[in-house]
Amino acid sequence: MTKKVDWARVWAAMQDELFPAMRMDPSERAIYGYLVRVTRLERRGTVCISKSRLGRAAGVCSATVRFRLRSLEKKRCVRIRGRNLEGHTIEVFLPEEILRAGRGGAPHVATRDYRDPAVREAVLRREEGRCFYCLRELGQNAAVDHVVAVSKGGDDSIGNLVAACSDCNVTKGNRDAGEFLRELYRRNRLTAAELDERMRKLKKAGGRF
């Protein structure tokens, strides 16, 4: 059975999380919102639409549509699957799919500066205010950690970031996340069940978020 989408929550996530995290300007917001409507809201996987039609719907010119579509694709909010005389065939991702991490499925995440307050807020919210590694409730010592260290090929995408306490952030360093989690278990900082759940989350995400 297809999961029913709570569109009120989707629209709230667009306004409160996605738009700030992706730093979308008004044109990108209008184009993205219209594309969500004519695809996902209408239960369609993709839409074939011309730049002129999309421009009229979003209230921008065709040149702006061309530029902003490229920007939205770079941010991985949409995927252009093809072009023909009728227009662009576009697949659209919802906020949860773009910002999610460690939930399985294709990681449609956009690269942003991890020091961006909006990115940090989104990561902390996703981890429900707890350290991903030791599960300690975070306060003023909250940090954002790279699951795969930049020195080992990791990037600043939301998909490679987790909330961490300052102790775990410093102690883990550039080590493998799975190795660090097992160390926490050996030090009785995690139970066997908690370790298994953390490792499953890493595995679902292909070893990263």
N, C-alpha and C. Protein backbone atom coordinates (compact mmCIF):
# COMPACT_ATOMS: atom_id res chain seq x y z
N MET A 1 0.84 -1.20 0.00
CA MET A 1 0.00 0.00 0.00
C MET A 1 0.88 1.25 0.00
N THR A 2 0.56 2.22 -0.84
CA THR A 2 1.34 3.44 -0.91
C THR A 2 1.13 4.27 0.35
N LYS A 3 2.22 4.72 0.93
CA LYS A 3 2.14 5.52 2.14
C LYS A 3 1.46 6.85 1.85
N LYS A 4 0.48 7.19 2.69
CA LYS A 4 -0.23 8.45 2.51
C LYS A 4 0.66 9.61 2.94
N VAL A 5 0.74 10.62 2.11
CA VAL A 5 1.60 11.77 2.39
C VAL A 5 0.81 12.83 3.15
N ASP A 6 1.38 13.32 4.23
CA ASP A 6 0.79 14.42 4.99
C ASP A 6 1.28 15.71 4.35
N TRP A 7 0.47 16.28 3.45
CA TRP A 7 0.91 17.43 2.68
C TRP A 7 1.07 18.69 3.52
N ALA A 8 0.35 18.78 4.62
CA ALA A 8 0.54 19.94 5.51
C ALA A 8 1.96 19.91 6.08
N ARG A 9 2.41 18.72 6.45
CA ARG A 9 3.77 18.59 6.99
C ARG A 9 4.81 18.82 5.91
N VAL A 10 4.52 18.36 4.68
CA VAL A 10 5.45 18.57 3.57
C VAL A 10 5.64 20.05 3.32
N TRP A 11 4.53 20.79 3.28
CA TRP A 11 4.63 22.23 3.01
C TRP A 11 5.34 22.95 4.16
N ALA A 12 5.09 22.51 5.39
CA ALA A 12 5.79 23.11 6.52
C ALA A 12 7.29 22.83 6.44
N ALA A 13 7.65 21.60 6.04
CA ALA A 13 9.06 21.25 5.92
C ALA A 13 9.73 22.06 4.81
N MET A 14 9.00 22.33 3.75
CA MET A 14 9.54 23.16 2.68
C MET A 14 9.90 24.54 3.22
N GLN A 15 8.96 25.14 3.95
CA GLN A 15 9.14 26.50 4.44
C GLN A 15 10.18 26.57 5.57
N ASP A 16 10.09 25.62 6.51
CA ASP A 16 10.90 25.71 7.73
C ASP A 16 12.28 25.09 7.60
N GLU A 17 12.43 24.07 6.73
CA GLU A 17 13.71 23.36 6.67
C GLU A 17 14.38 23.45 5.31
N LEU A 18 13.65 23.03 4.26
CA LEU A 18 14.29 22.92 2.96
C LEU A 18 14.73 24.26 2.39
N PHE A 19 13.84 25.22 2.33
CA PHE A 19 14.18 26.51 1.73
C PHE A 19 15.36 27.18 2.43
N PRO A 20 15.38 27.23 3.78
CA PRO A 20 16.55 27.84 4.43
C PRO A 20 17.83 27.02 4.22
N ALA A 21 17.73 25.69 4.34
CA ALA A 21 18.93 24.86 4.21
C ALA A 21 19.54 24.94 2.83
N MET A 22 18.69 25.00 1.79
CA MET A 22 19.17 25.08 0.42
C MET A 22 19.37 26.51 -0.08
N ARG A 23 19.04 27.46 0.80
CA ARG A 23 19.15 28.89 0.44
C ARG A 23 18.46 29.20 -0.89
N MET A 24 17.23 28.73 -1.00
CA MET A 24 16.47 28.96 -2.23
C MET A 24 15.98 30.40 -2.31
N ASP A 25 16.16 31.01 -3.48
CA ASP A 25 15.63 32.35 -3.68
C ASP A 25 14.16 32.24 -4.09
N PRO A 26 13.43 33.35 -4.18
CA PRO A 26 12.00 33.30 -4.50
C PRO A 26 11.68 32.56 -5.80
N SER A 27 12.52 32.70 -6.83
CA SER A 27 12.26 32.01 -8.09
C SER A 27 12.38 30.50 -7.93
N GLU A 28 13.41 30.06 -7.22
CA GLU A 28 13.59 28.62 -6.99
C GLU A 28 12.43 28.06 -6.17
N ARG A 29 11.99 28.81 -5.18
CA ARG A 29 10.88 28.35 -4.35
C ARG A 29 9.60 28.20 -5.18
N ALA A 30 9.34 29.18 -6.04
CA ALA A 30 8.13 29.14 -6.86
C ALA A 30 8.18 27.97 -7.85
N ILE A 31 9.31 27.78 -8.48
CA ILE A 31 9.46 26.70 -9.46
C ILE A 31 9.37 25.35 -8.77
N TYR A 32 10.08 25.18 -7.67
CA TYR A 32 10.06 23.92 -6.94
C TYR A 32 8.65 23.61 -6.43
N GLY A 33 7.98 24.59 -5.85
CA GLY A 33 6.64 24.37 -5.32
C GLY A 33 5.67 23.94 -6.40
N TYR A 34 5.74 24.58 -7.57
CA TYR A 34 4.85 24.19 -8.67
C TYR A 34 5.16 22.78 -9.14
N LEU A 35 6.44 22.44 -9.24
CA LEU A 35 6.82 21.10 -9.70
C LEU A 35 6.37 20.02 -8.71
N VAL A 36 6.44 20.31 -7.42
CA VAL A 36 5.93 19.36 -6.42
C VAL A 36 4.44 19.14 -6.64
N ARG A 37 3.72 20.22 -6.92
CA ARG A 37 2.27 20.12 -7.12
C ARG A 37 1.90 19.25 -8.31
N VAL A 38 2.59 19.46 -9.46
CA VAL A 38 2.20 18.75 -10.68
C VAL A 38 2.84 17.36 -10.78
N THR A 39 3.64 16.99 -9.79
CA THR A 39 4.20 15.63 -9.79
C THR A 39 3.70 14.87 -8.56
N ARG A 40 4.32 15.11 -7.44
CA ARG A 40 4.04 14.30 -6.26
C ARG A 40 2.63 14.49 -5.72
N LEU A 41 2.14 15.73 -5.68
CA LEU A 41 0.79 15.97 -5.17
C LEU A 41 -0.25 15.31 -6.06
N GLU A 42 0.01 15.28 -7.37
CA GLU A 42 -0.91 14.65 -8.31
C GLU A 42 -0.56 13.19 -8.56
N ARG A 43 0.32 12.65 -7.70
CA ARG A 43 0.70 11.23 -7.74
C ARG A 43 1.31 10.82 -9.08
N ARG A 44 2.18 11.67 -9.58
CA ARG A 44 2.90 11.38 -10.82
C ARG A 44 4.38 11.31 -10.51
N GLY A 45 5.06 10.38 -11.16
CA GLY A 45 6.49 10.23 -10.93
C GLY A 45 7.30 11.35 -11.54
N THR A 46 6.92 11.76 -12.75
CA THR A 46 7.64 12.84 -13.44
C THR A 46 6.63 13.71 -14.18
N VAL A 47 7.13 14.83 -14.70
CA VAL A 47 6.31 15.68 -15.55
C VAL A 47 7.17 16.15 -16.71
N CYS A 48 6.57 16.21 -17.89
CA CYS A 48 7.25 16.78 -19.05
C CYS A 48 6.66 18.17 -19.25
N ILE A 49 7.49 19.18 -19.11
CA ILE A 49 6.98 20.54 -19.12
C ILE A 49 7.96 21.46 -19.83
N SER A 50 7.43 22.42 -20.59
CA SER A 50 8.28 23.37 -21.30
C SER A 50 8.72 24.49 -20.37
N LYS A 51 9.81 25.15 -20.72
CA LYS A 51 10.29 26.27 -19.91
C LYS A 51 9.27 27.40 -19.88
N SER A 52 8.59 27.62 -21.01
CA SER A 52 7.62 28.72 -21.05
C SER A 52 6.43 28.44 -20.14
N ARG A 53 5.94 27.21 -20.15
CA ARG A 53 4.81 26.86 -19.29
C ARG A 53 5.21 26.94 -17.81
N LEU A 54 6.39 26.43 -17.50
CA LEU A 54 6.86 26.48 -16.12
C LEU A 54 7.09 27.92 -15.68
N GLY A 55 7.59 28.73 -16.61
CA GLY A 55 7.80 30.13 -16.29
C GLY A 55 6.49 30.86 -16.00
N ARG A 56 5.47 30.58 -16.81
CA ARG A 56 4.17 31.23 -16.57
C ARG A 56 3.60 30.82 -15.22
N ALA A 57 3.74 29.55 -14.88
CA ALA A 57 3.20 29.05 -13.62
C ALA A 57 3.94 29.65 -12.41
N ALA A 58 5.26 29.84 -12.57
CA ALA A 58 6.07 30.34 -11.45
C ALA A 58 6.20 31.86 -11.46
N GLY A 59 5.75 32.51 -12.55
CA GLY A 59 5.83 33.95 -12.62
C GLY A 59 7.22 34.48 -12.94
N VAL A 60 7.98 33.68 -13.72
CA VAL A 60 9.34 34.11 -14.11
C VAL A 60 9.51 33.87 -15.61
N CYS A 61 10.58 34.43 -16.18
CA CYS A 61 10.83 34.26 -17.61
C CYS A 61 11.52 32.93 -17.89
N SER A 62 11.53 32.53 -19.16
CA SER A 62 12.11 31.24 -19.56
C SER A 62 13.59 31.16 -19.23
N ALA A 63 14.31 32.29 -19.36
CA ALA A 63 15.74 32.29 -19.05
C ALA A 63 15.97 32.00 -17.57
N THR A 64 15.10 32.56 -16.73
CA THR A 64 15.21 32.30 -15.30
C THR A 64 14.90 30.85 -14.99
N VAL A 65 13.91 30.27 -15.67
CA VAL A 65 13.57 28.87 -15.49
C VAL A 65 14.78 28.00 -15.81
N ARG A 66 15.44 28.28 -16.93
CA ARG A 66 16.59 27.48 -17.34
C ARG A 66 17.69 27.52 -16.28
N PHE A 67 17.98 28.71 -15.80
CA PHE A 67 19.04 28.87 -14.81
C PHE A 67 18.66 28.22 -13.48
N ARG A 68 17.42 28.45 -13.04
CA ARG A 68 17.00 27.94 -11.73
C ARG A 68 16.82 26.41 -11.74
N LEU A 69 16.42 25.84 -12.87
CA LEU A 69 16.34 24.38 -12.94
C LEU A 69 17.71 23.76 -12.75
N ARG A 70 18.71 24.37 -13.36
CA ARG A 70 20.07 23.86 -13.17
C ARG A 70 20.48 23.95 -11.71
N SER A 71 20.10 25.06 -11.07
CA SER A 71 20.43 25.25 -9.66
C SER A 71 19.72 24.22 -8.79
N LEU A 72 18.44 23.98 -9.06
CA LEU A 72 17.68 23.00 -8.28
C LEU A 72 18.21 21.58 -8.49
N GLU A 73 18.67 21.29 -9.70
CA GLU A 73 19.23 19.97 -9.95
C GLU A 73 20.57 19.83 -9.22
N LYS A 74 21.36 20.88 -9.21
CA LYS A 74 22.64 20.85 -8.50
C LYS A 74 22.42 20.62 -7.01
N LYS A 75 21.34 21.18 -6.47
CA LYS A 75 21.00 21.00 -5.06
C LYS A 75 20.29 19.68 -4.83
N ARG A 76 20.05 18.95 -5.90
CA ARG A 76 19.41 17.63 -5.87
C ARG A 76 17.98 17.67 -5.34
N CYS A 77 17.31 18.79 -5.63
CA CYS A 77 15.89 18.90 -5.32
C CYS A 77 15.06 18.31 -6.46
N VAL A 78 15.61 18.34 -7.67
CA VAL A 78 14.96 17.75 -8.84
C VAL A 78 16.00 16.98 -9.63
N ARG A 79 15.53 16.14 -10.53
CA ARG A 79 16.40 15.43 -11.46
C ARG A 79 15.82 15.57 -12.87
N ILE A 80 16.58 16.09 -13.80
CA ILE A 80 16.12 16.22 -15.18
C ILE A 80 16.44 14.91 -15.89
N ARG A 81 15.40 14.18 -16.24
CA ARG A 81 15.58 12.85 -16.82
C ARG A 81 15.70 12.87 -18.33
N GLY A 82 15.31 13.94 -18.96
CA GLY A 82 15.43 14.00 -20.41
C GLY A 82 14.90 15.30 -20.96
N ARG A 83 15.19 15.55 -22.23
CA ARG A 83 14.71 16.75 -22.92
C ARG A 83 14.24 16.35 -24.30
N ASN A 84 13.16 16.96 -24.75
CA ASN A 84 12.68 16.76 -26.11
C ASN A 84 11.99 18.04 -26.57
N LEU A 85 11.32 17.99 -27.71
CA LEU A 85 10.68 19.18 -28.25
C LEU A 85 9.56 19.71 -27.35
N GLU A 86 8.99 18.83 -26.53
CA GLU A 86 7.89 19.25 -25.66
C GLU A 86 8.39 19.90 -24.37
N GLY A 87 9.63 19.66 -24.03
CA GLY A 87 10.17 20.27 -22.82
C GLY A 87 11.09 19.33 -22.05
N HIS A 88 11.24 19.58 -20.76
CA HIS A 88 12.08 18.79 -19.86
C HIS A 88 11.22 17.77 -19.12
N THR A 89 11.72 16.54 -19.00
CA THR A 89 11.07 15.55 -18.15
C THR A 89 11.76 15.61 -16.80
N ILE A 90 10.99 15.96 -15.76
CA ILE A 90 11.57 16.28 -14.46
C ILE A 90 11.00 15.38 -13.37
N GLU A 91 11.90 14.84 -12.55
CA GLU A 91 11.53 14.11 -11.35
C GLU A 91 11.77 15.03 -10.17
N VAL A 92 10.87 15.01 -9.19
CA VAL A 92 10.95 15.95 -8.07
C VAL A 92 11.03 15.18 -6.75
N PHE A 93 11.89 15.63 -5.86
CA PHE A 93 12.04 15.00 -4.55
C PHE A 93 11.42 15.88 -3.47
N LEU A 94 10.84 15.24 -2.46
CA LEU A 94 10.21 15.96 -1.36
C LEU A 94 11.27 16.33 -0.31
N PRO A 95 10.97 17.30 0.56
CA PRO A 95 11.95 17.74 1.55
C PRO A 95 12.58 16.61 2.34
N GLU A 96 11.78 15.66 2.81
CA GLU A 96 12.31 14.55 3.60
C GLU A 96 13.33 13.75 2.80
N GLU A 97 13.07 13.57 1.51
CA GLU A 97 13.97 12.79 0.67
C GLU A 97 15.28 13.54 0.40
N ILE A 98 15.21 14.85 0.37
CA ILE A 98 16.39 15.66 0.10
C ILE A 98 17.26 15.78 1.34
N LEU A 99 16.63 15.97 2.49
CA LEU A 99 17.38 16.23 3.71
C LEU A 99 17.61 14.99 4.56
N ARG A 100 16.98 13.90 4.22
CA ARG A 100 17.07 12.73 5.08
C ARG A 100 18.47 12.16 5.13
N ALA A 101 18.69 11.37 6.16
CA ALA A 101 19.98 10.71 6.29
C ALA A 101 19.77 9.43 7.09
N GLY A 102 20.37 8.38 6.63
CA GLY A 102 20.32 7.13 7.37
C GLY A 102 18.96 6.48 7.43
N ARG A 103 18.10 6.75 6.44
CA ARG A 103 16.79 6.11 6.44
C ARG A 103 16.65 5.12 5.30
N GLY A 104 17.76 4.81 4.63
CA GLY A 104 17.70 3.92 3.49
C GLY A 104 17.29 4.67 2.24
N GLY A 105 17.38 4.02 1.09
CA GLY A 105 17.00 4.65 -0.16
C GLY A 105 18.09 5.54 -0.70
N ALA A 106 17.85 6.14 -1.83
CA ALA A 106 18.85 6.98 -2.47
C ALA A 106 19.06 8.27 -1.69
N PRO A 107 20.29 8.61 -1.41
CA PRO A 107 20.56 9.81 -0.62
C PRO A 107 20.55 11.07 -1.46
N HIS A 108 19.37 11.68 -1.65
CA HIS A 108 19.27 12.92 -2.43
C HIS A 108 19.61 14.08 -1.51
N VAL A 109 20.89 14.36 -1.37
CA VAL A 109 21.32 15.40 -0.46
C VAL A 109 22.15 16.42 -1.19
N ALA A 110 22.04 17.63 -0.76
CA ALA A 110 22.78 18.71 -1.41
C ALA A 110 23.96 19.13 -0.54
N THR A 111 25.04 19.50 -1.17
CA THR A 111 26.22 19.91 -0.44
C THR A 111 26.06 21.35 0.02
N ARG A 112 26.20 21.55 1.33
CA ARG A 112 26.13 22.88 1.92
C ARG A 112 27.28 23.00 2.92
N ASP A 113 27.59 24.20 3.32
CA ASP A 113 28.61 24.42 4.34
C ASP A 113 28.06 23.92 5.67
N TYR A 114 28.79 22.98 6.29
CA TYR A 114 28.29 22.41 7.54
C TYR A 114 28.25 23.43 8.67
N ARG A 115 28.91 24.57 8.50
CA ARG A 115 28.88 25.62 9.52
C ARG A 115 27.65 26.51 9.38
N ASP A 116 26.89 26.32 8.31
CA ASP A 116 25.67 27.09 8.09
C ASP A 116 24.69 26.79 9.23
N PRO A 117 24.19 27.80 9.96
CA PRO A 117 23.26 27.55 11.07
C PRO A 117 22.04 26.75 10.66
N ALA A 118 21.55 26.95 9.44
CA ALA A 118 20.37 26.21 8.99
C ALA A 118 20.68 24.73 8.84
N VAL A 119 21.88 24.42 8.34
CA VAL A 119 22.29 23.02 8.20
C VAL A 119 22.45 22.39 9.58
N ARG A 120 23.11 23.10 10.47
CA ARG A 120 23.32 22.59 11.83
C ARG A 120 21.98 22.32 12.51
N GLU A 121 21.04 23.25 12.36
CA GLU A 121 19.72 23.08 12.97
C GLU A 121 19.00 21.86 12.40
N ALA A 122 19.11 21.66 11.08
CA ALA A 122 18.45 20.51 10.45
C ALA A 122 19.05 19.21 10.94
N VAL A 123 20.37 19.15 11.10
CA VAL A 123 21.04 17.93 11.57
C VAL A 123 20.65 17.64 13.01
N LEU A 124 20.66 18.66 13.86
CA LEU A 124 20.29 18.47 15.26
C LEU A 124 18.83 18.02 15.39
N ARG A 125 17.96 18.58 14.55
CA ARG A 125 16.56 18.18 14.60
C ARG A 125 16.40 16.73 14.17
N ARG A 126 17.14 16.33 13.13
CA ARG A 126 17.05 14.96 12.65
C ARG A 126 17.47 13.95 13.71
N GLU A 127 18.48 14.30 14.50
CA GLU A 127 18.96 13.40 15.56
C GLU A 127 18.19 13.58 16.86
N GLU A 128 17.14 14.38 16.83
CA GLU A 128 16.27 14.61 17.98
C GLU A 128 17.04 15.11 19.20
N GLY A 129 18.04 15.95 18.93
CA GLY A 129 18.77 16.58 20.03
C GLY A 129 19.70 15.66 20.79
N ARG A 130 20.07 14.53 20.20
CA ARG A 130 20.98 13.59 20.87
C ARG A 130 22.21 13.32 20.01
N CYS A 131 23.30 12.97 20.69
CA CYS A 131 24.52 12.60 19.99
C CYS A 131 24.27 11.32 19.22
N PHE A 132 24.61 11.28 17.94
CA PHE A 132 24.40 10.07 17.14
C PHE A 132 25.20 8.90 17.70
N TYR A 133 26.36 9.16 18.25
CA TYR A 133 27.26 8.08 18.68
C TYR A 133 26.92 7.54 20.07
N CYS A 134 26.91 8.38 21.08
CA CYS A 134 26.69 7.88 22.45
C CYS A 134 25.26 8.08 22.94
N LEU A 135 24.43 8.77 22.15
CA LEU A 135 23.02 9.01 22.45
C LEU A 135 22.81 9.96 23.63
N ARG A 136 23.87 10.64 24.04
CA ARG A 136 23.73 11.62 25.12
C ARG A 136 22.87 12.79 24.64
N GLU A 137 22.02 13.29 25.53
CA GLU A 137 21.22 14.46 25.18
C GLU A 137 22.14 15.67 25.04
N LEU A 138 21.98 16.40 23.96
CA LEU A 138 22.88 17.50 23.67
C LEU A 138 22.38 18.81 24.26
N GLY A 139 23.32 19.61 24.71
CA GLY A 139 23.02 20.94 25.20
C GLY A 139 23.86 21.94 24.46
N GLN A 140 24.58 22.74 25.20
CA GLN A 140 25.44 23.75 24.59
C GLN A 140 26.68 23.16 23.93
N ASN A 141 26.96 21.89 24.26
CA ASN A 141 28.17 21.26 23.70
C ASN A 141 27.90 20.53 22.38
N ALA A 142 26.77 20.83 21.75
CA ALA A 142 26.42 20.15 20.50
C ALA A 142 27.40 20.52 19.40
N ALA A 143 27.80 19.50 18.62
CA ALA A 143 28.69 19.70 17.49
C ALA A 143 28.11 18.99 16.28
N VAL A 144 28.65 19.29 15.10
CA VAL A 144 28.28 18.58 13.88
C VAL A 144 29.51 17.81 13.41
N ASP A 145 29.38 16.51 13.27
CA ASP A 145 30.52 15.65 12.92
C ASP A 145 30.35 15.06 11.53
N HIS A 146 31.46 14.92 10.80
CA HIS A 146 31.46 14.23 9.51
C HIS A 146 31.56 12.73 9.75
N VAL A 147 30.56 11.97 9.29
CA VAL A 147 30.59 10.53 9.46
C VAL A 147 31.82 9.97 8.75
N VAL A 148 32.00 10.34 7.48
CA VAL A 148 33.22 10.02 6.75
C VAL A 148 34.06 11.29 6.74
N ALA A 149 35.20 11.24 7.38
CA ALA A 149 36.05 12.42 7.51
C ALA A 149 36.40 13.01 6.16
N VAL A 150 36.49 14.33 6.11
CA VAL A 150 36.86 15.02 4.87
C VAL A 150 38.22 14.51 4.38
N SER A 151 39.13 14.22 5.30
CA SER A 151 40.45 13.73 4.93
C SER A 151 40.42 12.36 4.28
N LYS A 152 39.25 11.66 4.42
CA LYS A 152 39.10 10.34 3.82
C LYS A 152 38.08 10.34 2.68
N GLY A 153 37.79 11.52 2.15
CA GLY A 153 36.89 11.62 1.00
C GLY A 153 35.48 12.04 1.31
N GLY A 154 35.17 12.29 2.59
CA GLY A 154 33.83 12.74 2.93
C GLY A 154 33.60 14.18 2.51
N ASP A 155 32.32 14.57 2.42
CA ASP A 155 32.01 15.94 2.03
C ASP A 155 31.16 16.62 3.09
N ASP A 156 30.72 17.84 2.79
CA ASP A 156 29.93 18.61 3.74
C ASP A 156 28.43 18.47 3.52
N SER A 157 28.00 17.47 2.76
CA SER A 157 26.58 17.29 2.53
C SER A 157 25.87 16.91 3.82
N ILE A 158 24.61 17.28 3.90
CA ILE A 158 23.81 16.94 5.08
C ILE A 158 23.80 15.43 5.27
N GLY A 159 23.93 14.70 4.16
CA GLY A 159 23.96 13.25 4.23
C GLY A 159 25.22 12.68 4.86
N ASN A 160 26.24 13.50 5.10
CA ASN A 160 27.47 13.02 5.72
C ASN A 160 27.69 13.68 7.08
N LEU A 161 26.64 14.25 7.63
CA LEU A 161 26.75 14.95 8.90
C LEU A 161 25.82 14.36 9.94
N VAL A 162 26.30 14.30 11.17
CA VAL A 162 25.46 13.87 12.30
C VAL A 162 25.71 14.80 13.47
N ALA A 163 24.75 14.84 14.39
CA ALA A 163 24.93 15.60 15.62
C ALA A 163 25.82 14.78 16.55
N ALA A 164 26.69 15.45 17.28
CA ALA A 164 27.59 14.76 18.19
C ALA A 164 27.89 15.63 19.40
N CYS A 165 28.12 14.99 20.53
CA CYS A 165 28.58 15.73 21.70
C CYS A 165 30.05 16.09 21.46
N SER A 166 30.55 17.05 22.22
CA SER A 166 31.93 17.48 22.00
C SER A 166 32.93 16.37 22.28
N ASP A 167 32.62 15.51 23.27
CA ASP A 167 33.54 14.41 23.60
C ASP A 167 33.67 13.44 22.42
N CYS A 168 32.53 13.02 21.85
CA CYS A 168 32.56 12.07 20.73
C CYS A 168 33.17 12.72 19.50
N ASN A 169 32.86 13.99 19.28
CA ASN A 169 33.39 14.69 18.12
C ASN A 169 34.92 14.71 18.14
N VAL A 170 35.49 14.97 19.33
CA VAL A 170 36.95 15.04 19.46
C VAL A 170 37.57 13.65 19.46
N THR A 171 36.96 12.72 20.19
CA THR A 171 37.54 11.39 20.34
C THR A 171 37.49 10.59 19.04
N LYS A 172 36.41 10.70 18.30
CA LYS A 172 36.30 9.95 17.04
C LYS A 172 37.34 10.42 16.03
N GLY A 173 37.53 11.73 15.93
CA GLY A 173 38.48 12.25 14.95
C GLY A 173 38.11 11.84 13.54
N ASN A 174 39.08 11.30 12.79
CA ASN A 174 38.81 10.87 11.41
C ASN A 174 38.66 9.37 11.28
N ARG A 175 38.39 8.72 12.42
CA ARG A 175 38.24 7.26 12.40
C ARG A 175 36.93 6.82 11.77
N ASP A 176 36.87 5.55 11.40
CA ASP A 176 35.65 4.95 10.86
C ASP A 176 34.55 5.01 11.91
N ALA A 177 33.35 5.39 11.50
CA ALA A 177 32.24 5.55 12.44
C ALA A 177 31.87 4.22 13.10
N GLY A 178 31.88 3.14 12.34
CA GLY A 178 31.57 1.84 12.92
C GLY A 178 32.58 1.42 13.96
N GLU A 179 33.84 1.67 13.68
CA GLU A 179 34.91 1.35 14.63
C GLU A 179 34.72 2.13 15.93
N PHE A 180 34.36 3.41 15.79
CA PHE A 180 34.18 4.25 16.98
C PHE A 180 32.97 3.78 17.78
N LEU A 181 31.90 3.40 17.11
CA LEU A 181 30.72 2.90 17.82
C LEU A 181 31.04 1.63 18.61
N ARG A 182 31.82 0.75 18.02
CA ARG A 182 32.20 -0.48 18.72
C ARG A 182 33.08 -0.17 19.94
N GLU A 183 33.90 0.87 19.82
CA GLU A 183 34.71 1.28 20.97
C GLU A 183 33.82 1.77 22.10
N LEU A 184 32.80 2.55 21.75
CA LEU A 184 31.87 3.03 22.77
C LEU A 184 31.17 1.86 23.46
N TYR A 185 30.85 0.83 22.71
CA TYR A 185 30.23 -0.36 23.30
C TYR A 185 31.19 -1.04 24.27
N ARG A 186 32.45 -1.17 23.86
CA ARG A 186 33.43 -1.82 24.74
C ARG A 186 33.65 -1.02 26.02
N ARG A 187 33.45 0.28 25.92
CA ARG A 187 33.60 1.14 27.10
C ARG A 187 32.29 1.29 27.88
N ASN A 188 31.29 0.48 27.53
CA ASN A 188 29.98 0.47 28.20
C ASN A 188 29.25 1.80 28.06
N ARG A 189 29.54 2.51 26.96
CA ARG A 189 28.81 3.75 26.69
C ARG A 189 27.55 3.48 25.88
N LEU A 190 27.48 2.31 25.26
CA LEU A 190 26.30 1.87 24.51
C LEU A 190 25.95 0.45 24.92
N THR A 191 24.66 0.14 24.92
CA THR A 191 24.24 -1.24 25.13
C THR A 191 24.36 -2.00 23.81
N ALA A 192 24.23 -3.32 23.88
CA ALA A 192 24.30 -4.13 22.65
C ALA A 192 23.19 -3.73 21.69
N ALA A 193 22.00 -3.49 22.24
CA ALA A 193 20.87 -3.10 21.39
C ALA A 193 21.12 -1.75 20.73
N GLU A 194 21.67 -0.81 21.49
CA GLU A 194 21.95 0.51 20.94
C GLU A 194 23.03 0.45 19.86
N LEU A 195 24.06 -0.39 20.10
CA LEU A 195 25.10 -0.57 19.09
C LEU A 195 24.51 -1.15 17.81
N ASP A 196 23.69 -2.17 17.93
CA ASP A 196 23.07 -2.80 16.75
C ASP A 196 22.24 -1.79 15.97
N GLU A 197 21.49 -0.96 16.69
CA GLU A 197 20.63 0.03 16.02
C GLU A 197 21.47 1.07 15.29
N ARG A 198 22.56 1.53 15.92
CA ARG A 198 23.45 2.50 15.28
C ARG A 198 24.11 1.90 14.04
N MET A 199 24.56 0.65 14.15
CA MET A 199 25.23 0.00 13.03
C MET A 199 24.26 -0.26 11.88
N ARG A 200 23.02 -0.59 12.21
CA ARG A 200 22.02 -0.79 11.16
C ARG A 200 21.78 0.51 10.41
N LYS A 201 21.76 1.61 11.15
CA LYS A 201 21.55 2.91 10.52
C LYS A 201 22.70 3.24 9.57
N LEU A 202 23.93 2.94 9.99
CA LEU A 202 25.07 3.16 9.12
C LEU A 202 25.00 2.27 7.88
N LYS A 203 24.63 1.02 8.07
CA LYS A 203 24.56 0.08 6.95
C LYS A 203 23.51 0.49 5.94
N LYS A 204 22.35 0.92 6.41
CA LYS A 204 21.28 1.36 5.50
C LYS A 204 21.72 2.53 4.65
N ALA A 205 22.56 3.36 5.22
CA ALA A 205 23.02 4.55 4.51
C ALA A 205 24.29 4.26 3.71
N GLY A 206 24.67 3.01 3.60
CA GLY A 206 25.87 2.67 2.86
C GLY A 206 27.13 3.11 3.55
N GLY A 207 27.09 3.14 4.88
CA GLY A 207 28.28 3.51 5.64
C GLY A 207 28.40 5.00 5.86
N ARG A 208 27.43 5.78 5.31
CA ARG A 208 27.47 7.22 5.52
C ARG A 208 26.05 7.76 5.48
N PHE A 209 25.88 9.00 5.79
CA PHE A 209 24.53 9.60 5.86
C PHE A 209 24.32 10.57 4.71
